[in-house]
Amino acid sequence: MATNFVKPGDTLTLQNSAAGVTAGVGVLIGQLFGVALTTAAQNVDFEMATKGVFTLAKVASLAVAVGDVLYWKPDTFNVNKTSSGQKEIGYAVSATGSGSGEVTVDVLLTINTRASVAA
């Protein structure tokens, strides 16, 4: 094994200096997105998953189909399908309607696992 290997990267221990984090809620630090696995106050270490499928809050009026590209809206802590000014985080793996009762969607996190392609 390489002597410079640190860890697989499925989970990271980080510190969010911007605000506290809540377990189960998406977190965007710079360009790194994940889901907090632990709740922590500002400037306290927490665990964040960068891979996997998570049920996340969505814009209630948004209909989502399996395979839709989803983006993180950090000011409201939910996902939507608007790319402008948002951070792409992955793909929908569940379909949801636009009714007020449907406020979550299952998301496959992919943004942190894709290889960069030079244009």
PDB file of N, CA and C in Angstrom:
ATOM      1  N   MET A   1       0.851  -1.190   0.000  1.00  0.00           N
ATOM      2  CA  MET A   1       0.000   0.000   0.000  1.00  0.00           C
ATOM      3  C   MET A   1       0.885   1.237   0.000  1.00  0.00           C
ATOM      4  N   ALA A   2       0.417   2.246  -0.653  1.00  0.00           N
ATOM      5  CA  ALA A   2       1.167   3.508  -0.702  1.00  0.00           C
ATOM      6  C   ALA A   2       1.342   4.061   0.707  1.00  0.00           C
ATOM      7  N   THR A   3       2.472   4.604   0.969  1.00  0.00           N
ATOM      8  CA  THR A   3       2.734   5.152   2.306  1.00  0.00           C
ATOM      9  C   THR A   3       2.080   6.509   2.519  1.00  0.00           C
ATOM     10  N   ASN A   4       1.563   7.111   1.461  1.00  0.00           N
ATOM     11  CA  ASN A   4       0.912   8.413   1.609  1.00  0.00           C
ATOM     12  C   ASN A   4      -0.617   8.313   1.628  1.00  0.00           C
ATOM     13  N   PHE A   5      -1.171   7.087   1.665  1.00  0.00           N
ATOM     14  CA  PHE A   5      -2.618   6.902   1.740  1.00  0.00           C
ATOM     15  C   PHE A   5      -3.120   7.390   3.091  1.00  0.00           C
ATOM     16  N   VAL A   6      -4.198   8.200   3.082  1.00  0.00           N
ATOM     17  CA  VAL A   6      -4.734   8.744   4.325  1.00  0.00           C
ATOM     18  C   VAL A   6      -6.004   8.003   4.738  1.00  0.00           C
ATOM     19  N   LYS A   7      -7.022   7.964   3.860  1.00  0.00           N
ATOM     20  CA  LYS A   7      -8.276   7.275   4.156  1.00  0.00           C
ATOM     21  C   LYS A   7      -9.100   7.183   2.882  1.00  0.00           C
ATOM     22  N   PRO A   8     -10.124   6.323   2.834  1.00  0.00           N
ATOM     23  CA  PRO A   8     -10.920   6.180   1.618  1.00  0.00           C
ATOM     24  C   PRO A   8     -11.655   7.458   1.208  1.00  0.00           C
ATOM     25  N   GLY A   9     -12.102   8.260   2.125  1.00  0.00           N
ATOM     26  CA  GLY A   9     -12.774   9.506   1.786  1.00  0.00           C
ATOM     27  C   GLY A   9     -14.292   9.430   1.774  1.00  0.00           C
ATOM     28  N   ASP A  10     -14.853   8.272   2.132  1.00  0.00           N
ATOM     29  CA  ASP A  10     -16.316   8.167   2.227  1.00  0.00           C
ATOM     30  C   ASP A  10     -16.854   9.057   3.332  1.00  0.00           C
ATOM     31  N   THR A  11     -16.087   9.175   4.399  1.00  0.00           N
ATOM     32  CA  THR A  11     -16.419  10.090   5.489  1.00  0.00           C
ATOM     33  C   THR A  11     -15.177  10.911   5.808  1.00  0.00           C
ATOM     34  N   LEU A  12     -15.422  12.136   6.185  1.00  0.00           N
ATOM     35  CA  LEU A  12     -14.335  13.049   6.525  1.00  0.00           C
ATOM     36  C   LEU A  12     -14.620  13.687   7.875  1.00  0.00           C
ATOM     37  N   THR A  13     -13.565  13.958   8.614  1.00  0.00           N
ATOM     38  CA  THR A  13     -13.694  14.732   9.835  1.00  0.00           C
ATOM     39  C   THR A  13     -13.266  16.148   9.490  1.00  0.00           C
ATOM     40  N   LEU A  14     -14.208  17.073   9.609  1.00  0.00           N
ATOM     41  CA  LEU A  14     -13.970  18.458   9.210  1.00  0.00           C
ATOM     42  C   LEU A  14     -14.437  19.407  10.294  1.00  0.00           C
ATOM     43  N   GLN A  15     -14.121  20.667  10.104  1.00  0.00           N
ATOM     44  CA  GLN A  15     -14.597  21.715  10.990  1.00  0.00           C
ATOM     45  C   GLN A  15     -15.254  22.777  10.121  1.00  0.00           C
ATOM     46  N   ASN A  16     -16.482  23.125  10.450  1.00  0.00           N
ATOM     47  CA  ASN A  16     -17.211  24.135   9.684  1.00  0.00           C
ATOM     48  C   ASN A  16     -17.142  25.453  10.445  1.00  0.00           C
ATOM     49  N   SER A  17     -16.362  26.378   9.944  1.00  0.00           N
ATOM     50  CA  SER A  17     -16.194  27.652  10.630  1.00  0.00           C
ATOM     51  C   SER A  17     -17.345  28.619  10.360  1.00  0.00           C
ATOM     52  N   ALA A  18     -18.185  28.338   9.358  1.00  0.00           N
ATOM     53  CA  ALA A  18     -19.265  29.267   9.001  1.00  0.00           C
ATOM     54  C   ALA A  18     -20.446  29.177   9.966  1.00  0.00           C
ATOM     55  N   ALA A  19     -20.796  27.990  10.417  1.00  0.00           N
ATOM     56  CA  ALA A  19     -21.952  27.802  11.299  1.00  0.00           C
ATOM     57  C   ALA A  19     -21.923  26.386  11.853  1.00  0.00           C
ATOM     58  N   GLY A  20     -22.821  26.099  12.776  1.00  0.00           N
ATOM     59  CA  GLY A  20     -22.959  24.747  13.271  1.00  0.00           C
ATOM     60  C   GLY A  20     -23.575  23.864  12.203  1.00  0.00           C
ATOM     61  N   VAL A  21     -23.518  22.557  12.409  1.00  0.00           N
ATOM     62  CA  VAL A  21     -24.102  21.600  11.476  1.00  0.00           C
ATOM     63  C   VAL A  21     -25.039  20.666  12.232  1.00  0.00           C
ATOM     64  N   THR A  22     -26.023  20.130  11.506  1.00  0.00           N
ATOM     65  CA  THR A  22     -27.004  19.217  12.081  1.00  0.00           C
ATOM     66  C   THR A  22     -26.911  17.883  11.361  1.00  0.00           C
ATOM     67  N   ALA A  23     -26.872  16.801  12.127  1.00  0.00           N
ATOM     68  CA  ALA A  23     -26.808  15.462  11.536  1.00  0.00           C
ATOM     69  C   ALA A  23     -27.946  15.262  10.545  1.00  0.00           C
ATOM     70  N   GLY A  24     -27.610  14.732   9.365  1.00  0.00           N
ATOM     71  CA  GLY A  24     -28.600  14.449   8.342  1.00  0.00           C
ATOM     72  C   GLY A  24     -28.857  15.585   7.368  1.00  0.00           C
ATOM     73  N   VAL A  25     -28.210  16.718   7.584  1.00  0.00           N
ATOM     74  CA  VAL A  25     -28.409  17.886   6.727  1.00  0.00           C
ATOM     75  C   VAL A  25     -27.170  18.083   5.857  1.00  0.00           C
ATOM     76  N   GLY A  26     -27.372  18.529   4.627  1.00  0.00           N
ATOM     77  CA  GLY A  26     -26.267  18.794   3.722  1.00  0.00           C
ATOM     78  C   GLY A  26     -25.384  19.930   4.225  1.00  0.00           C
ATOM     79  N   VAL A  27     -24.098  19.811   3.892  1.00  0.00           N
ATOM     80  CA  VAL A  27     -23.113  20.819   4.290  1.00  0.00           C
ATOM     81  C   VAL A  27     -22.235  21.114   3.076  1.00  0.00           C
ATOM     82  N   LEU A  28     -22.044  22.391   2.798  1.00  0.00           N
ATOM     83  CA  LEU A  28     -21.174  22.814   1.709  1.00  0.00           C
ATOM     84  C   LEU A  28     -20.042  23.630   2.306  1.00  0.00           C
ATOM     85  N   ILE A  29     -18.827  23.117   2.162  1.00  0.00           N
ATOM     86  CA  ILE A  29     -17.631  23.820   2.634  1.00  0.00           C
ATOM     87  C   ILE A  29     -16.752  24.045   1.413  1.00  0.00           C
ATOM     88  N   GLY A  30     -16.658  25.277   0.982  1.00  0.00           N
ATOM     89  CA  GLY A  30     -15.962  25.564  -0.272  1.00  0.00           C
ATOM     90  C   GLY A  30     -16.708  24.865  -1.392  1.00  0.00           C
ATOM     91  N   GLN A  31     -16.046  23.987  -2.119  1.00  0.00           N
ATOM     92  CA  GLN A  31     -16.683  23.197  -3.172  1.00  0.00           C
ATOM     93  C   GLN A  31     -16.969  21.771  -2.726  1.00  0.00           C
ATOM     94  N   LEU A  32     -16.694  21.445  -1.460  1.00  0.00           N
ATOM     95  CA  LEU A  32     -16.885  20.095  -0.936  1.00  0.00           C
ATOM     96  C   LEU A  32     -18.269  19.972  -0.317  1.00  0.00           C
ATOM     97  N   PHE A  33     -19.083  19.038  -0.842  1.00  0.00           N
ATOM     98  CA  PHE A  33     -20.430  18.817  -0.325  1.00  0.00           C
ATOM     99  C   PHE A  33     -20.524  17.450   0.309  1.00  0.00           C
ATOM    100  N   GLY A  34     -21.281  17.371   1.378  1.00  0.00           N
ATOM    101  CA  GLY A  34     -21.556  16.098   2.017  1.00  0.00           C
ATOM    102  C   GLY A  34     -22.733  16.236   2.950  1.00  0.00           C
ATOM    103  N   VAL A  35     -23.026  15.163   3.657  1.00  0.00           N
ATOM    104  CA  VAL A  35     -24.113  15.159   4.625  1.00  0.00           C
ATOM    105  C   VAL A  35     -23.503  14.955   6.001  1.00  0.00           C
ATOM    106  N   ALA A  36     -23.851  15.849   6.922  1.00  0.00           N
ATOM    107  CA  ALA A  36     -23.329  15.755   8.282  1.00  0.00           C
ATOM    108  C   ALA A  36     -23.836  14.468   8.932  1.00  0.00           C
ATOM    109  N   LEU A  37     -22.927  13.713   9.500  1.00  0.00           N
ATOM    110  CA  LEU A  37     -23.293  12.484  10.209  1.00  0.00           C
ATOM    111  C   LEU A  37     -23.440  12.739  11.697  1.00  0.00           C
ATOM    112  N   THR A  38     -22.900  13.861  12.153  1.00  0.00           N
ATOM    113  CA  THR A  38     -22.996  14.252  13.553  1.00  0.00           C
ATOM    114  C   THR A  38     -23.399  15.717  13.631  1.00  0.00           C
ATOM    115  N   THR A  39     -23.996  16.084  14.735  1.00  0.00           N
ATOM    116  CA  THR A  39     -24.351  17.481  14.987  1.00  0.00           C
ATOM    117  C   THR A  39     -23.204  18.124  15.748  1.00  0.00           C
ATOM    118  N   ALA A  40     -22.842  19.340  15.350  1.00  0.00           N
ATOM    119  CA  ALA A  40     -21.731  20.018  16.005  1.00  0.00           C
ATOM    120  C   ALA A  40     -21.920  21.528  15.919  1.00  0.00           C
ATOM    121  N   ALA A  41     -21.422  22.210  16.924  1.00  0.00           N
ATOM    122  CA  ALA A  41     -21.455  23.671  16.940  1.00  0.00           C
ATOM    123  C   ALA A  41     -20.393  24.220  15.991  1.00  0.00           C
ATOM    124  N   GLN A  42     -20.469  25.509  15.743  1.00  0.00           N
ATOM    125  CA  GLN A  42     -19.479  26.184  14.899  1.00  0.00           C
ATOM    126  C   GLN A  42     -18.080  25.950  15.463  1.00  0.00           C
ATOM    127  N   ASN A  43     -17.117  25.710  14.578  1.00  0.00           N
ATOM    128  CA  ASN A  43     -15.710  25.496  14.906  1.00  0.00           C
ATOM    129  C   ASN A  43     -15.442  24.222  15.709  1.00  0.00           C
ATOM    130  N   VAL A  44     -16.365  23.265  15.652  1.00  0.00           N
ATOM    131  CA  VAL A  44     -16.179  21.972  16.311  1.00  0.00           C
ATOM    132  C   VAL A  44     -16.120  20.900  15.222  1.00  0.00           C
ATOM    133  N   ASP A  45     -15.216  19.937  15.356  1.00  0.00           N
ATOM    134  CA  ASP A  45     -15.104  18.863  14.372  1.00  0.00           C
ATOM    135  C   ASP A  45     -16.402  18.071  14.279  1.00  0.00           C
ATOM    136  N   PHE A  46     -16.728  17.624  13.056  1.00  0.00           N
ATOM    137  CA  PHE A  46     -17.892  16.776  12.821  1.00  0.00           C
ATOM    138  C   PHE A  46     -17.551  15.797  11.709  1.00  0.00           C
ATOM    139  N   GLU A  47     -18.339  14.737  11.621  1.00  0.00           N
ATOM    140  CA  GLU A  47     -18.170  13.740  10.572  1.00  0.00           C
ATOM    141  C   GLU A  47     -19.120  14.059   9.425  1.00  0.00           C
ATOM    142  N   MET A  48     -18.623  13.966   8.187  1.00  0.00           N
ATOM    143  CA  MET A  48     -19.416  14.249   7.006  1.00  0.00           C
ATOM    144  C   MET A  48     -19.232  13.130   5.986  1.00  0.00           C
ATOM    145  N   ALA A  49     -20.359  12.617   5.466  1.00  0.00           N
ATOM    146  CA  ALA A  49     -20.313  11.606   4.402  1.00  0.00           C
ATOM    147  C   ALA A  49     -20.232  12.316   3.063  1.00  0.00           C
ATOM    148  N   THR A  50     -19.348  11.835   2.204  1.00  0.00           N
ATOM    149  CA  THR A  50     -19.199  12.429   0.875  1.00  0.00           C
ATOM    150  C   THR A  50     -19.708  11.510  -0.228  1.00  0.00           C
ATOM    151  N   LYS A  51     -20.086  10.291   0.136  1.00  0.00           N
ATOM    152  CA  LYS A  51     -20.580   9.313  -0.827  1.00  0.00           C
ATOM    153  C   LYS A  51     -21.795   8.615  -0.231  1.00  0.00           C
ATOM    154  N   GLY A  52     -22.651   8.106  -1.108  1.00  0.00           N
ATOM    155  CA  GLY A  52     -23.804   7.346  -0.649  1.00  0.00           C
ATOM    156  C   GLY A  52     -25.103   7.948  -1.137  1.00  0.00           C
ATOM    157  N   VAL A  53     -26.213   7.355  -0.689  1.00  0.00           N
ATOM    158  CA  VAL A  53     -27.549   7.848  -1.005  1.00  0.00           C
ATOM    159  C   VAL A  53     -28.170   8.362   0.286  1.00  0.00           C
ATOM    160  N   PHE A  54     -28.663   9.600   0.239  1.00  0.00           N
ATOM    161  CA  PHE A  54     -29.247  10.233   1.411  1.00  0.00           C
ATOM    162  C   PHE A  54     -30.590  10.846   1.053  1.00  0.00           C
ATOM    163  N   THR A  55     -31.519  10.790   1.981  1.00  0.00           N
ATOM    164  CA  THR A  55     -32.791  11.491   1.837  1.00  0.00           C
ATOM    165  C   THR A  55     -32.566  12.923   2.298  1.00  0.00           C
ATOM    166  N   LEU A  56     -32.773  13.871   1.380  1.00  0.00           N
ATOM    167  CA  LEU A  56     -32.540  15.282   1.687  1.00  0.00           C
ATOM    168  C   LEU A  56     -33.799  16.090   1.422  1.00  0.00           C
ATOM    169  N   ALA A  57     -33.909  17.200   2.113  1.00  0.00           N
ATOM    170  CA  ALA A  57     -35.037  18.113   1.899  1.00  0.00           C
ATOM    171  C   ALA A  57     -34.952  18.687   0.494  1.00  0.00           C
ATOM    172  N   LYS A  58     -36.123  18.937  -0.090  1.00  0.00           N
ATOM    173  CA  LYS A  58     -36.188  19.556  -1.419  1.00  0.00           C
ATOM    174  C   LYS A  58     -37.160  20.717  -1.373  1.00  0.00           C
ATOM    175  N   VAL A  59     -37.115  21.534  -2.390  1.00  0.00           N
ATOM    176  CA  VAL A  59     -38.102  22.585  -2.547  1.00  0.00           C
ATOM    177  C   VAL A  59     -39.461  21.891  -2.700  1.00  0.00           C
ATOM    178  N   ALA A  60     -40.430  22.216  -1.857  1.00  0.00           N
ATOM    179  CA  ALA A  60     -41.706  21.497  -1.813  1.00  0.00           C
ATOM    180  C   ALA A  60     -42.436  21.501  -3.152  1.00  0.00           C
ATOM    181  N   SER A  61     -42.348  22.569  -3.901  1.00  0.00           N
ATOM    182  CA  SER A  61     -43.080  22.671  -5.175  1.00  0.00           C
ATOM    183  C   SER A  61     -42.359  22.011  -6.339  1.00  0.00           C
ATOM    184  N   LEU A  62     -41.250  21.342  -6.069  1.00  0.00           N
ATOM    185  CA  LEU A  62     -40.416  20.766  -7.118  1.00  0.00           C
ATOM    186  C   LEU A  62     -40.762  19.306  -7.384  1.00  0.00           C
ATOM    187  N   ALA A  63     -41.075  18.974  -8.632  1.00  0.00           N
ATOM    188  CA  ALA A  63     -41.246  17.584  -9.039  1.00  0.00           C
ATOM    189  C   ALA A  63     -39.877  17.064  -9.480  1.00  0.00           C
ATOM    190  N   VAL A  64     -39.546  15.849  -9.061  1.00  0.00           N
ATOM    191  CA  VAL A  64     -38.238  15.273  -9.363  1.00  0.00           C
ATOM    192  C   VAL A  64     -38.426  13.886  -9.966  1.00  0.00           C
ATOM    193  N   ALA A  65     -37.694  13.602 -11.048  1.00  0.00           N
ATOM    194  CA  ALA A  65     -37.700  12.278 -11.674  1.00  0.00           C
ATOM    195  C   ALA A  65     -36.374  11.586 -11.381  1.00  0.00           C
ATOM    196  N   VAL A  66     -36.397  10.264 -11.357  1.00  0.00           N
ATOM    197  CA  VAL A  66     -35.163   9.508 -11.162  1.00  0.00           C
ATOM    198  C   VAL A  66     -34.172   9.914 -12.248  1.00  0.00           C
ATOM    199  N   GLY A  67     -32.959  10.196 -11.853  1.00  0.00           N
ATOM    200  CA  GLY A  67     -31.912  10.584 -12.789  1.00  0.00           C
ATOM    201  C   GLY A  67     -31.733  12.086 -12.938  1.00  0.00           C
ATOM    202  N   ASP A  68     -32.660  12.879 -12.404  1.00  0.00           N
ATOM    203  CA  ASP A  68     -32.494  14.332 -12.475  1.00  0.00           C
ATOM    204  C   ASP A  68     -31.219  14.771 -11.751  1.00  0.00           C
ATOM    205  N   VAL A  69     -30.521  15.714 -12.339  1.00  0.00           N
ATOM    206  CA  VAL A  69     -29.364  16.315 -11.675  1.00  0.00           C
ATOM    207  C   VAL A  69     -29.906  17.245 -10.592  1.00  0.00           C
ATOM    208  N   LEU A  70     -29.322  17.151  -9.400  1.00  0.00           N
ATOM    209  CA  LEU A  70     -29.784  17.968  -8.280  1.00  0.00           C
ATOM    210  C   LEU A  70     -28.676  18.893  -7.792  1.00  0.00           C
ATOM    211  N   TYR A  71     -29.093  20.032  -7.289  1.00  0.00           N
ATOM    212  CA  TYR A  71     -28.181  21.089  -6.842  1.00  0.00           C
ATOM    213  C   TYR A  71     -28.516  21.463  -5.404  1.00  0.00           C
ATOM    214  N   TRP A  72     -27.504  21.917  -4.676  1.00  0.00           N
ATOM    215  CA  TRP A  72     -27.691  22.311  -3.283  1.00  0.00           C
ATOM    216  C   TRP A  72     -27.952  23.809  -3.185  1.00  0.00           C
ATOM    217  N   LYS A  73     -28.966  24.152  -2.422  1.00  0.00           N
ATOM    218  CA  LYS A  73     -29.321  25.543  -2.166  1.00  0.00           C
ATOM    219  C   LYS A  73     -28.952  25.832  -0.710  1.00  0.00           C
ATOM    220  N   PRO A  74     -27.741  26.338  -0.474  1.00  0.00           N
ATOM    221  CA  PRO A  74     -27.233  26.433   0.898  1.00  0.00           C
ATOM    222  C   PRO A  74     -27.986  27.402   1.804  1.00  0.00           C
ATOM    223  N   ASP A  75     -28.646  28.388   1.239  1.00  0.00           N
ATOM    224  CA  ASP A  75     -29.348  29.342   2.103  1.00  0.00           C
ATOM    225  C   ASP A  75     -30.633  28.757   2.689  1.00  0.00           C
ATOM    226  N   THR A  76     -31.197  27.721   2.046  1.00  0.00           N
ATOM    227  CA  THR A  76     -32.413  27.090   2.561  1.00  0.00           C
ATOM    228  C   THR A  76     -32.188  25.623   2.937  1.00  0.00           C
ATOM    229  N   PHE A  77     -30.974  25.135   2.795  1.00  0.00           N
ATOM    230  CA  PHE A  77     -30.603  23.767   3.166  1.00  0.00           C
ATOM    231  C   PHE A  77     -31.484  22.719   2.486  1.00  0.00           C
ATOM    232  N   ASN A  78     -31.679  22.876   1.170  1.00  0.00           N
ATOM    233  CA  ASN A  78     -32.427  21.871   0.431  1.00  0.00           C
ATOM    234  C   ASN A  78     -31.917  21.777  -1.001  1.00  0.00           C
ATOM    235  N   VAL A  79     -32.444  20.780  -1.719  1.00  0.00           N
ATOM    236  CA  VAL A  79     -32.019  20.562  -3.096  1.00  0.00           C
ATOM    237  C   VAL A  79     -33.060  21.095  -4.065  1.00  0.00           C
ATOM    238  N   ASN A  80     -32.588  21.414  -5.273  1.00  0.00           N
ATOM    239  CA  ASN A  80     -33.476  21.828  -6.350  1.00  0.00           C
ATOM    240  C   ASN A  80     -32.837  21.442  -7.670  1.00  0.00           C
ATOM    241  N   LYS A  81     -33.439  21.871  -8.775  1.00  0.00           N
ATOM    242  CA  LYS A  81     -32.910  21.539 -10.099  1.00  0.00           C
ATOM    243  C   LYS A  81     -32.396  22.769 -10.828  1.00  0.00           C
ATOM    244  N   THR A  82     -32.118  23.834 -10.087  1.00  0.00           N
ATOM    245  CA  THR A  82     -31.631  25.079 -10.679  1.00  0.00           C
ATOM    246  C   THR A  82     -30.115  25.105 -10.626  1.00  0.00           C
ATOM    247  N   SER A  83     -29.473  25.158 -11.775  1.00  0.00           N
ATOM    248  CA  SER A  83     -28.011  25.126 -11.791  1.00  0.00           C
ATOM    249  C   SER A  83     -27.387  26.498 -11.532  1.00  0.00           C
ATOM    250  N   SER A  84     -28.071  27.554 -11.893  1.00  0.00           N
ATOM    251  CA  SER A  84     -27.508  28.894 -11.773  1.00  0.00           C
ATOM    252  C   SER A  84     -27.265  29.266 -10.311  1.00  0.00           C
ATOM    253  N   GLY A  85     -26.004  29.497  -9.970  1.00  0.00           N
ATOM    254  CA  GLY A  85     -25.646  29.902  -8.630  1.00  0.00           C
ATOM    255  C   GLY A  85     -25.738  28.814  -7.584  1.00  0.00           C
ATOM    256  N   GLN A  86     -25.923  27.572  -8.004  1.00  0.00           N
ATOM    257  CA  GLN A  86     -26.060  26.452  -7.078  1.00  0.00           C
ATOM    258  C   GLN A  86     -24.897  25.480  -7.261  1.00  0.00           C
ATOM    259  N   LYS A  87     -24.729  24.580  -6.319  1.00  0.00           N
ATOM    260  CA  LYS A  87     -23.675  23.569  -6.359  1.00  0.00           C
ATOM    261  C   LYS A  87     -24.286  22.220  -6.728  1.00  0.00           C
ATOM    262  N   GLU A  88     -23.846  21.642  -7.860  1.00  0.00           N
ATOM    263  CA  GLU A  88     -24.314  20.306  -8.236  1.00  0.00           C
ATOM    264  C   GLU A  88     -23.827  19.302  -7.207  1.00  0.00           C
ATOM    265  N   ILE A  89     -24.753  18.431  -6.744  1.00  0.00           N
ATOM    266  CA  ILE A  89     -24.362  17.473  -5.708  1.00  0.00           C
ATOM    267  C   ILE A  89     -24.578  16.020  -6.095  1.00  0.00           C
ATOM    268  N   GLY A  90     -25.450  15.750  -7.087  1.00  0.00           N
ATOM    269  CA  GLY A  90     -25.675  14.362  -7.452  1.00  0.00           C
ATOM    270  C   GLY A  90     -26.933  14.174  -8.253  1.00  0.00           C
ATOM    271  N   TYR A  91     -27.488  12.946  -8.174  1.00  0.00           N
ATOM    272  CA  TYR A  91     -28.636  12.562  -8.981  1.00  0.00           C
ATOM    273  C   TYR A  91     -29.758  12.034  -8.101  1.00  0.00           C
ATOM    274  N   ALA A  92     -30.994  12.327  -8.523  1.00  0.00           N
ATOM    275  CA  ALA A  92     -32.159  11.789  -7.822  1.00  0.00           C
ATOM    276  C   ALA A  92     -32.253  10.290  -8.075  1.00  0.00           C
ATOM    277  N   VAL A  93     -32.496   9.521  -7.033  1.00  0.00           N
ATOM    278  CA  VAL A  93     -32.719   8.082  -7.178  1.00  0.00           C
ATOM    279  C   VAL A  93     -34.118   7.707  -6.702  1.00  0.00           C
ATOM    280  N   SER A  94     -34.940   8.734  -6.468  1.00  0.00           N
ATOM    281  CA  SER A  94     -36.362   8.527  -6.204  1.00  0.00           C
ATOM    282  C   SER A  94     -37.122   9.629  -6.921  1.00  0.00           C
ATOM    283  N   ALA A  95     -38.359   9.334  -7.278  1.00  0.00           N
ATOM    284  CA  ALA A  95     -39.205  10.343  -7.929  1.00  0.00           C
ATOM    285  C   ALA A  95     -40.139  10.929  -6.881  1.00  0.00           C
ATOM    286  N   THR A  96     -40.385  12.231  -6.978  1.00  0.00           N
ATOM    287  CA  THR A  96     -41.312  12.883  -6.057  1.00  0.00           C
ATOM    288  C   THR A  96     -42.173  13.863  -6.840  1.00  0.00           C
ATOM    289  N   GLY A  97     -43.370  14.065  -6.344  1.00  0.00           N
ATOM    290  CA  GLY A  97     -44.267  15.030  -6.960  1.00  0.00           C
ATOM    291  C   GLY A  97     -44.000  16.424  -6.428  1.00  0.00           C
ATOM    292  N   SER A  98     -44.847  17.341  -6.852  1.00  0.00           N
ATOM    293  CA  SER A  98     -44.677  18.729  -6.440  1.00  0.00           C
ATOM    294  C   SER A  98     -45.659  19.118  -5.347  1.00  0.00           C
ATOM    295  N   GLY A  99     -46.312  18.150  -4.732  1.00  0.00           N
ATOM    296  CA  GLY A  99     -47.269  18.447  -3.671  1.00  0.00           C
ATOM    297  C   GLY A  99     -46.574  18.878  -2.388  1.00  0.00           C
ATOM    298  N   SER A 100     -47.309  19.576  -1.556  1.00  0.00           N
ATOM    299  CA  SER A 100     -46.724  20.097  -0.321  1.00  0.00           C
ATOM    300  C   SER A 100     -46.328  18.992   0.645  1.00  0.00           C
ATOM    301  N   GLY A 101     -46.892  17.792   0.482  1.00  0.00           N
ATOM    302  CA  GLY A 101     -46.534  16.684   1.351  1.00  0.00           C
ATOM    303  C   GLY A 101     -45.238  15.996   0.970  1.00  0.00           C
ATOM    304  N   GLU A 102     -44.753  16.253  -0.231  1.00  0.00           N
ATOM    305  CA  GLU A 102     -43.529  15.615  -0.697  1.00  0.00           C
ATOM    306  C   GLU A 102     -42.373  16.600  -0.581  1.00  0.00           C
ATOM    307  N   VAL A 103     -41.656  16.497   0.517  1.00  0.00           N
ATOM    308  CA  VAL A 103     -40.623  17.495   0.802  1.00  0.00           C
ATOM    309  C   VAL A 103     -39.213  16.910   0.868  1.00  0.00           C
ATOM    310  N   THR A 104     -39.059  15.637   0.478  1.00  0.00           N
ATOM    311  CA  THR A 104     -37.728  15.033   0.457  1.00  0.00           C
ATOM    312  C   THR A 104     -37.536  14.259  -0.837  1.00  0.00           C
ATOM    313  N   VAL A 105     -36.275  13.975  -1.136  1.00  0.00           N
ATOM    314  CA  VAL A 105     -35.905  13.169  -2.296  1.00  0.00           C
ATOM    315  C   VAL A 105     -34.629  12.407  -1.943  1.00  0.00           C
ATOM    316  N   ASP A 106     -34.491  11.195  -2.461  1.00  0.00           N
ATOM    317  CA  ASP A 106     -33.278  10.413  -2.249  1.00  0.00           C
ATOM    318  C   ASP A 106     -32.246  10.831  -3.292  1.00  0.00           C
ATOM    319  N   VAL A 107     -31.041  11.154  -2.811  1.00  0.00           N
ATOM    320  CA  VAL A 107     -29.988  11.701  -3.666  1.00  0.00           C
ATOM    321  C   VAL A 107     -28.740  10.833  -3.588  1.00  0.00           C
ATOM    322  N   LEU A 108     -28.226  10.435  -4.751  1.00  0.00           N
ATOM    323  CA  LEU A 108     -26.934   9.757  -4.839  1.00  0.00           C
ATOM    324  C   LEU A 108     -25.873  10.845  -4.952  1.00  0.00           C
ATOM    325  N   LEU A 109     -25.041  10.992  -3.921  1.00  0.00           N
ATOM    326  CA  LEU A 109     -23.990  12.000  -3.955  1.00  0.00           C
ATOM    327  C   LEU A 109     -22.928  11.570  -4.952  1.00  0.00           C
ATOM    328  N   THR A 110     -22.622  12.447  -5.898  1.00  0.00           N
ATOM    329  CA  THR A 110     -21.629  12.105  -6.912  1.00  0.00           C
ATOM    330  C   THR A 110     -20.607  13.202  -7.158  1.00  0.00           C
ATOM    331  N   ILE A 111     -20.890  14.400  -6.763  1.00  0.00           N
ATOM    332  CA  ILE A 111     -20.027  15.530  -7.129  1.00  0.00           C
ATOM    333  C   ILE A 111     -18.600  15.346  -6.623  1.00  0.00           C
ATOM    334  N   ASN A 112     -18.419  14.726  -5.476  1.00  0.00           N
ATOM    335  CA  ASN A 112     -17.088  14.576  -4.908  1.00  0.00           C
ATOM    336  C   ASN A 112     -16.349  13.352  -5.443  1.00  0.00           C
ATOM    337  N   THR A 113     -17.040  12.523  -6.236  1.00  0.00           N
ATOM    338  CA  THR A 113     -16.423  11.282  -6.698  1.00  0.00           C
ATOM    339  C   THR A 113     -16.120  11.260  -8.187  1.00  0.00           C
ATOM    340  N   ARG A 114     -16.600  12.261  -8.905  1.00  0.00           N
ATOM    341  CA  ARG A 114     -16.362  12.282 -10.351  1.00  0.00           C
ATOM    342  C   ARG A 114     -14.966  12.785 -10.661  1.00  0.00           C
ATOM    343  N   ALA A 115     -14.383  12.204 -11.659  1.00  0.00           N
ATOM    344  CA  ALA A 115     -13.080  12.679 -12.116  1.00  0.00           C
ATOM    345  C   ALA A 115     -13.256  13.974 -12.888  1.00  0.00           C
ATOM    346  N   SER A 116     -12.334  14.885 -12.730  1.00  0.00           N
ATOM    347  CA  SER A 116     -12.385  16.134 -13.480  1.00  0.00           C
ATOM    348  C   SER A 116     -11.975  15.878 -14.923  1.00  0.00           C
ATOM    349  N   VAL A 117     -12.639  16.528 -15.844  1.00  0.00           N
ATOM    350  CA  VAL A 117     -12.321  16.395 -17.258  1.00  0.00           C
ATOM    351  C   VAL A 117     -11.905  17.770 -17.757  1.00  0.00           C
ATOM    352  N   ALA A 118     -10.733  17.862 -18.321  1.00  0.00           N
ATOM    353  CA  ALA A 118     -10.268  19.134 -18.853  1.00  0.00           C
ATOM    354  C   ALA A 118     -11.021  19.448 -20.130  1.00  0.00           C
ATOM    355  N   ALA A 119     -11.423  20.702 -20.267  1.00  0.00           N
ATOM    356  CA  ALA A 119     -12.156  21.109 -21.475  1.00  0.00           C
ATOM    357  C   ALA A 119     -11.187  21.410 -22.594  1.00  0.00           C
TER     358      ALA A 119
END
